[in-house]
Amino acid sequence: MSGSDLDHDVIVIGGGPAGLSGAVALARSRRSVAVIDSGEPRNAPAAHMHNYLGHEGLPPTELIKLGRAELAGYGGTLIDGSVTAAARDTERGGFVVDLADGRRLRSRRLLITTGLVDTLPQLPGVADLWGKSVLHCPYCHGWEVRDTAIGVLATGPMSVHQALMFRQLSHDVIMFTHTTELGDDQRERLAARGIKIIDGEVAGLERDEADRLSGVVLASGRFVGRSTLVVGTIMEARADFLSPLGLSVEPVLAGEHRIGSRIVTDGNGATSVPGVWAAGNVADPRAQVIVSAGAGLTAGAMINADLIEEETEAAVQRARSRTRELSGT
């Protein structure tokens, strides 16, 4: 593609399950739609995805490959690139989207499906094992680590909940308090479920010859063997490039503890900015792949309905104008 301006009914920023689902719905409604994707999916470290009916265990990259092929089959445009800014088109109406390579695209509507970034605990070894032996979600990875030695790193108010969920999957669960102070009621709940508590700060992780987690090393020097470590992350919406739109981004809280951020939407994905929708993890950090895909489909359908209303109103005004011309009034 050249650097010339392009016009689309809808630009979708983010080519994951939410973005591709919305784009396919729009393309099937004969909308001109372009998907811009930077190729940085949240679940890139994961070898397989789960709880997606009909696609259980499919590699995430394979789902994206299938979705891209479906979109292309309906005439949608796929653009590999990074968006640096999105703003109102003050000259022609609609929106302009600037890419890092200098291209500028225009559209009547925007669908934001950029997902989020997981900020991991700053602990040696965590990043290297993320998505493999270091996990966060029992629905994403729990079955695969059932009946194994599981550790849970306490990093905030959701850690006790994580430990209780993984206890459903294994009898051998240890909570490492790390830098978190557990209350008496939390300790009672964990103990009642047979979850051992080890106090003290964790210094790092150790790996075996196969590059898998072998255990947790405390600041005291004590080694505790574990094959899986569960951590909490700060889930930050990828939305910085949207600041020219004045889009509303709010913190996601667990009690008074900030665990992430999200774009605020209604139940159909509409944001506070007319003409802009958002779907997937950028709007709902809890959404798994199948939920994100469903949200993208919903947003795509709502965008199509919104465009239909705009086009119908314009057609009515043109018909009225012709009637007035014919009647001489």
Protein backbone atom coordinates (compact mmCIF):
# COMPACT_ATOMS: atom_id res chain seq x y z
CA MET A 1 0.00 0.00 0.00
CA SER A 2 1.18 3.55 -0.70
CA GLY A 3 1.13 6.51 1.66
CA SER A 4 -2.01 7.97 0.09
CA ASP A 5 -5.13 8.60 2.17
CA LEU A 6 -7.71 5.82 2.30
CA ASP A 7 -11.38 6.05 3.23
CA HIS A 8 -13.28 3.38 5.14
CA ASP A 9 -16.61 3.06 6.85
CA VAL A 10 -14.85 1.66 9.90
CA ILE A 11 -11.26 1.37 11.08
CA VAL A 12 -10.62 -1.32 13.67
CA ILE A 13 -7.50 -0.70 15.74
CA GLY A 14 -6.31 -4.06 17.05
CA GLY A 15 -6.46 -7.38 15.20
CA GLY A 16 -7.13 -9.86 18.00
CA PRO A 17 -10.33 -11.91 18.48
CA ALA A 18 -12.42 -8.85 19.37
CA GLY A 19 -11.19 -6.76 16.45
CA LEU A 20 -11.43 -9.51 13.86
CA SER A 21 -14.91 -10.58 15.03
CA GLY A 22 -16.18 -7.01 14.78
CA ALA A 23 -14.51 -6.53 11.41
CA VAL A 24 -15.97 -9.76 9.96
CA ALA A 25 -19.47 -8.73 11.08
CA LEU A 26 -19.02 -5.36 9.39
CA ALA A 27 -17.53 -6.81 6.21
CA ARG A 28 -20.40 -9.30 5.95
CA SER A 29 -22.72 -6.28 6.06
CA ARG A 30 -20.80 -4.92 3.07
CA ARG A 31 -19.01 -2.24 5.05
CA SER A 32 -15.59 -0.99 4.01
CA VAL A 33 -13.48 -2.00 6.99
CA ALA A 34 -9.76 -1.93 7.71
CA VAL A 35 -8.07 -3.69 10.63
CA ILE A 36 -4.76 -2.26 11.85
CA ASP A 37 -2.73 -4.67 13.95
CA SER A 38 0.71 -4.27 15.54
CA GLY A 39 1.16 -8.00 16.12
CA GLU A 40 1.53 -7.79 19.91
CA PRO A 41 -1.28 -9.95 21.37
CA ARG A 42 -1.63 -10.23 25.13
CA ASN A 43 -1.66 -14.03 24.99
CA ALA A 44 1.49 -14.33 22.84
CA PRO A 45 3.36 -16.34 25.53
CA ALA A 46 0.58 -18.96 25.68
CA ALA A 47 0.89 -22.05 23.51
CA HIS A 48 -2.82 -22.83 23.57
CA MET A 49 -6.14 -21.18 24.39
CA HIS A 50 -9.01 -22.74 26.28
CA ASN A 51 -12.76 -22.35 26.94
CA TYR A 52 -13.39 -21.35 23.31
CA LEU A 53 -16.15 -23.71 22.25
CA GLY A 54 -15.15 -25.68 19.17
CA HIS A 55 -11.54 -24.45 19.33
CA GLU A 56 -10.38 -25.97 22.63
CA GLY A 57 -6.58 -26.10 22.77
CA LEU A 58 -6.09 -24.17 19.54
CA PRO A 59 -2.90 -22.06 19.47
CA PRO A 60 -3.85 -18.36 19.71
CA THR A 61 -1.86 -17.61 16.58
CA GLU A 62 -3.92 -20.14 14.63
CA LEU A 63 -7.17 -18.45 15.66
CA ILE A 64 -5.82 -15.12 14.40
CA LYS A 65 -4.73 -16.77 11.15
CA LEU A 66 -8.23 -18.19 10.64
CA GLY A 67 -9.87 -14.86 11.48
CA ARG A 68 -7.66 -12.93 9.10
CA ALA A 69 -8.50 -15.34 6.29
CA GLU A 70 -12.22 -14.99 7.00
CA LEU A 71 -12.00 -11.19 6.96
CA ALA A 72 -10.04 -11.18 3.69
CA GLY A 73 -12.67 -13.49 2.19
CA TYR A 74 -15.32 -10.83 2.80
CA GLY A 75 -13.21 -8.05 1.33
CA GLY A 76 -11.83 -6.57 4.55
CA THR A 77 -8.43 -4.89 4.58
CA LEU A 78 -5.63 -6.00 6.90
CA ILE A 79 -2.86 -3.53 7.71
CA ASP A 80 0.21 -4.54 9.70
CA GLY A 81 1.36 -1.50 11.64
CA SER A 82 1.24 0.54 14.82
CA VAL A 83 -1.15 3.43 15.44
CA THR A 84 0.42 6.53 16.96
CA ALA A 85 -2.71 8.70 17.20
CA ALA A 86 -6.43 8.73 16.49
CA ALA A 87 -8.39 11.97 16.33
CA ARG A 88 -11.44 13.69 14.90
CA ASP A 89 -11.19 14.68 11.24
CA THR A 90 -12.08 18.35 11.61
CA GLU A 91 -12.07 18.93 7.85
CA ARG A 92 -14.20 16.07 6.53
CA GLY A 93 -15.85 14.65 9.60
CA GLY A 94 -15.27 11.19 11.00
CA PHE A 95 -11.80 10.23 12.19
CA VAL A 96 -8.17 10.19 11.13
CA VAL A 97 -5.73 7.50 12.24
CA ASP A 98 -1.97 8.02 12.00
CA LEU A 99 0.41 5.07 11.65
CA ALA A 100 4.02 4.90 12.77
CA ASP A 101 5.17 4.55 9.14
CA GLY A 102 3.60 7.90 8.20
CA ARG A 103 0.37 6.67 6.65
CA ARG A 104 -2.88 8.42 7.53
CA LEU A 105 -6.24 6.65 7.20
CA ARG A 106 -9.74 8.05 7.47
CA SER A 107 -12.99 6.45 8.57
CA ARG A 108 -16.53 7.27 9.60
CA ARG A 109 -16.36 5.17 12.77
CA LEU A 110 -13.69 3.61 15.00
CA LEU A 111 -13.61 0.29 16.85
CA ILE A 112 -10.85 0.08 19.49
CA THR A 113 -9.75 -3.47 20.30
CA THR A 114 -6.13 -2.93 21.31
CA GLY A 115 -6.31 -5.14 24.39
CA LEU A 116 -4.11 -4.62 27.43
CA VAL A 117 -0.61 -5.09 28.75
CA ASP A 118 0.07 -7.20 31.84
CA THR A 119 2.54 -5.52 34.19
CA LEU A 120 4.21 -8.39 36.05
CA PRO A 121 5.57 -8.40 39.60
CA GLN A 122 9.18 -7.21 39.60
CA LEU A 123 10.74 -10.48 40.61
CA PRO A 124 13.67 -12.28 38.93
CA GLY A 125 12.48 -15.14 36.73
CA VAL A 126 8.82 -14.15 36.50
CA ALA A 127 8.97 -12.55 33.04
CA ASP A 128 10.99 -15.44 31.58
CA LEU A 129 8.43 -18.03 32.70
CA TRP A 130 5.30 -15.96 32.07
CA GLY A 131 2.61 -17.94 30.26
CA LYS A 132 4.49 -21.20 30.85
CA SER A 133 5.15 -21.97 34.53
CA VAL A 134 4.10 -18.54 35.83
CA LEU A 135 0.35 -18.08 35.37
CA HIS A 136 -2.52 -15.90 36.52
CA CYS A 137 -5.84 -17.42 35.40
CA PRO A 138 -7.27 -20.82 36.40
CA TYR A 139 -9.66 -20.78 33.45
CA CYS A 140 -6.84 -20.18 30.97
CA HIS A 141 -4.33 -22.69 32.36
CA GLY A 142 -5.79 -24.43 35.40
CA TRP A 143 -6.59 -27.83 33.91
CA GLU A 144 -3.07 -28.13 32.55
CA VAL A 145 -1.52 -27.73 36.05
CA ARG A 146 -4.06 -29.81 37.97
CA ASP A 147 -2.69 -32.00 40.77
CA THR A 148 0.70 -30.29 40.65
CA ALA A 149 2.66 -28.29 43.24
CA ILE A 150 1.24 -24.78 42.90
CA GLY A 151 2.49 -21.61 44.57
CA VAL A 152 0.57 -18.35 44.77
CA LEU A 153 2.50 -15.09 45.13
CA ALA A 154 0.54 -12.61 47.24
CA THR A 155 0.63 -9.22 45.53
CA GLY A 156 -2.72 -7.71 46.46
CA PRO A 157 -6.32 -8.31 47.55
CA MET A 158 -7.06 -10.73 44.70
CA SER A 159 -4.30 -13.15 45.69
CA VAL A 160 -6.37 -15.00 48.29
CA HIS A 161 -9.12 -15.43 45.69
CA GLN A 162 -6.54 -16.81 43.25
CA ALA A 163 -5.30 -19.29 45.83
CA LEU A 164 -8.83 -20.51 46.55
CA MET A 165 -9.53 -20.96 42.83
CA PHE A 166 -6.36 -22.96 42.22
CA ARG A 167 -7.11 -25.05 45.30
CA GLN A 168 -10.03 -26.39 43.26
CA LEU A 169 -7.42 -27.85 40.91
CA SER A 170 -4.79 -29.20 43.28
CA HIS A 171 -4.46 -30.32 46.89
CA ASP A 172 -0.92 -28.93 47.00
CA VAL A 173 -1.22 -25.13 47.08
CA ILE A 174 1.08 -22.78 49.01
CA MET A 175 0.49 -19.07 49.51
CA PHE A 176 3.69 -16.99 49.67
CA THR A 177 2.82 -13.78 51.51
CA HIS A 178 5.80 -11.98 49.90
CA THR A 179 5.18 -8.25 50.57
CA THR A 180 1.48 -8.57 51.44
CA GLU A 181 0.09 -8.62 54.96
CA LEU A 182 -2.68 -11.20 55.29
CA GLY A 183 -5.50 -10.57 57.75
CA ASP A 184 -6.64 -13.12 60.31
CA ASP A 185 -9.83 -13.84 58.36
CA GLN A 186 -7.83 -14.45 55.16
CA ARG A 187 -5.49 -16.82 56.95
CA GLU A 188 -8.47 -18.66 58.41
CA ARG A 189 -10.06 -19.11 54.99
CA LEU A 190 -6.85 -20.38 53.44
CA ALA A 191 -6.16 -22.76 56.31
CA ALA A 192 -9.71 -24.12 56.17
CA ARG A 193 -9.07 -25.20 52.58
CA GLY A 194 -5.73 -26.77 53.39
CA ILE A 195 -3.66 -24.04 51.76
CA LYS A 196 -0.29 -23.68 53.46
CA ILE A 197 0.97 -20.16 54.14
CA ILE A 198 4.68 -19.29 54.00
CA ASP A 199 5.53 -15.85 55.31
CA GLY A 200 8.47 -13.84 54.09
CA GLU A 201 9.54 -12.03 50.96
CA VAL A 202 10.28 -14.01 47.80
CA ALA A 203 13.66 -13.21 46.23
CA GLY A 204 13.36 -15.09 42.93
CA LEU A 205 12.56 -18.26 41.02
CA GLU A 206 14.68 -21.22 40.02
CA ARG A 207 14.37 -23.29 36.85
CA ASP A 208 15.25 -26.85 35.96
CA GLU A 209 17.25 -28.13 32.98
CA ALA A 210 14.12 -28.06 30.80
CA ASP A 211 13.70 -24.33 31.59
CA ARG A 212 10.61 -24.94 33.72
CA LEU A 213 9.95 -23.64 37.21
CA SER A 214 11.52 -25.82 39.88
CA GLY A 215 10.86 -23.68 42.92
CA VAL A 216 10.69 -20.40 44.81
CA VAL A 217 13.62 -18.88 46.67
CA LEU A 218 12.82 -16.75 49.73
CA ALA A 219 14.90 -13.77 50.83
CA SER A 220 15.97 -15.92 53.78
CA GLY A 221 17.57 -18.33 51.33
CA ARG A 222 14.99 -21.04 51.84
CA PHE A 223 14.03 -22.99 48.72
CA VAL A 224 10.46 -24.24 48.28
CA GLY A 225 9.85 -26.61 45.39
CA ARG A 226 6.97 -25.62 43.10
CA SER A 227 6.17 -26.46 39.47
CA THR A 228 3.72 -23.58 38.98
CA LEU A 229 3.58 -20.05 40.38
CA VAL A 230 0.41 -17.97 40.22
CA VAL A 231 0.83 -14.19 40.23
CA GLY A 232 -1.39 -11.14 39.93
CA THR A 233 -0.74 -8.54 37.23
CA ILE A 234 -1.63 -4.89 36.68
CA MET A 235 -3.75 -4.96 33.52
CA GLU A 236 -3.24 -1.68 31.66
CA ALA A 237 -5.45 -0.79 28.70
CA ARG A 238 -3.54 0.06 25.51
CA ALA A 239 -5.12 3.46 25.05
CA ASP A 240 -2.44 6.18 25.22
CA PHE A 241 -2.71 6.93 21.50
CA LEU A 242 -6.39 7.84 21.99
CA SER A 243 -5.75 10.95 24.10
CA PRO A 244 -6.57 13.35 21.20
CA LEU A 245 -10.11 11.95 21.26
CA GLY A 246 -10.60 12.68 24.95
CA LEU A 247 -11.66 9.09 25.49
CA SER A 248 -12.56 8.19 29.06
CA VAL A 249 -10.19 5.68 30.68
CA GLU A 250 -10.85 4.64 34.26
CA PRO A 251 -8.97 2.58 36.84
CA VAL A 252 -10.10 -0.95 37.62
CA LEU A 253 -10.20 -1.48 41.37
CA ALA A 254 -10.35 -4.44 43.74
CA GLY A 255 -11.53 -2.68 46.87
CA GLU A 256 -9.17 0.28 47.13
CA HIS A 257 -6.39 -1.52 45.24
CA ARG A 258 -5.80 -0.56 41.60
CA ILE A 259 -5.43 -3.66 39.42
CA GLY A 260 -5.62 -2.06 35.98
CA SER A 261 -7.41 0.33 33.66
CA ARG A 262 -10.06 0.16 30.95
CA ILE A 263 -11.91 2.22 28.39
CA VAL A 264 -15.40 2.93 29.67
CA THR A 265 -18.17 1.55 27.44
CA ASP A 266 -21.85 0.74 27.65
CA GLY A 267 -23.17 -2.79 27.23
CA ASN A 268 -22.83 -2.57 23.44
CA GLY A 269 -19.28 -1.21 23.36
CA ALA A 270 -20.12 2.46 22.77
CA THR A 271 -17.66 4.84 24.45
CA SER A 272 -18.17 8.37 25.74
CA VAL A 273 -17.02 9.68 22.33
CA PRO A 274 -19.73 9.52 19.64
CA GLY A 275 -18.64 7.31 16.75
CA VAL A 276 -16.10 5.34 18.80
CA TRP A 277 -16.67 1.83 20.15
CA ALA A 278 -14.35 -0.43 22.16
CA ALA A 279 -14.39 -4.18 22.80
CA GLY A 280 -12.30 -6.95 24.30
CA ASN A 281 -9.69 -6.60 27.05
CA VAL A 282 -9.23 -2.87 26.44
CA ALA A 283 -12.77 -2.46 27.83
CA ASP A 284 -13.06 -5.58 30.01
CA PRO A 285 -9.79 -6.88 31.50
CA ARG A 286 -11.54 -10.05 32.70
CA ALA A 287 -12.72 -11.12 29.26
CA GLN A 288 -11.31 -14.36 27.93
CA VAL A 289 -10.86 -14.98 24.22
CA ILE A 290 -14.40 -16.16 23.53
CA VAL A 291 -15.91 -13.26 25.50
CA SER A 292 -13.73 -10.75 23.67
CA ALA A 293 -14.79 -12.20 20.32
CA GLY A 294 -18.44 -11.92 21.34
CA ALA A 295 -17.98 -8.33 22.46
CA GLY A 296 -16.33 -7.49 19.14
CA LEU A 297 -19.25 -8.98 17.24
CA THR A 298 -21.71 -6.96 19.33
CA ALA A 299 -19.79 -3.73 18.77
CA GLY A 300 -19.52 -4.40 15.03
CA ALA A 301 -23.28 -4.93 14.78
CA MET A 302 -23.96 -1.73 16.74
CA ILE A 303 -21.63 0.26 14.50
CA ASN A 304 -23.39 -1.06 11.42
CA ALA A 305 -26.76 -0.10 12.94
CA ASP A 306 -25.45 3.38 13.73
CA LEU A 307 -24.24 3.84 10.16
CA ILE A 308 -27.57 2.63 8.82
CA GLU A 309 -29.39 5.23 10.93
CA GLU A 310 -27.07 7.97 9.64
CA GLU A 311 -27.50 6.88 6.03
CA THR A 312 -31.26 6.56 6.36
CA GLU A 313 -31.58 10.04 7.84
CA ALA A 314 -29.46 11.44 5.01
CA ALA A 315 -31.64 9.61 2.45
CA VAL A 316 -34.79 11.05 4.05
CA GLN A 317 -33.37 14.56 3.86
CA ARG A 318 -32.44 14.09 0.18
CA ALA A 319 -35.91 12.75 -0.61
CA ARG A 320 -37.52 15.72 1.11
CA SER A 321 -35.26 18.09 -0.79
CA ARG A 322 -36.24 16.51 -4.12
CA THR A 323 -39.91 16.73 -3.20
CA ARG A 324 -39.56 20.41 -2.41
CA GLU A 325 -37.76 21.02 -5.72
CA LEU A 326 -40.47 19.24 -7.70
CA SER A 327 -43.22 21.13 -5.93
CA GLY A 328 -41.44 24.45 -6.37
CA THR A 329 -41.46 25.21 -2.68
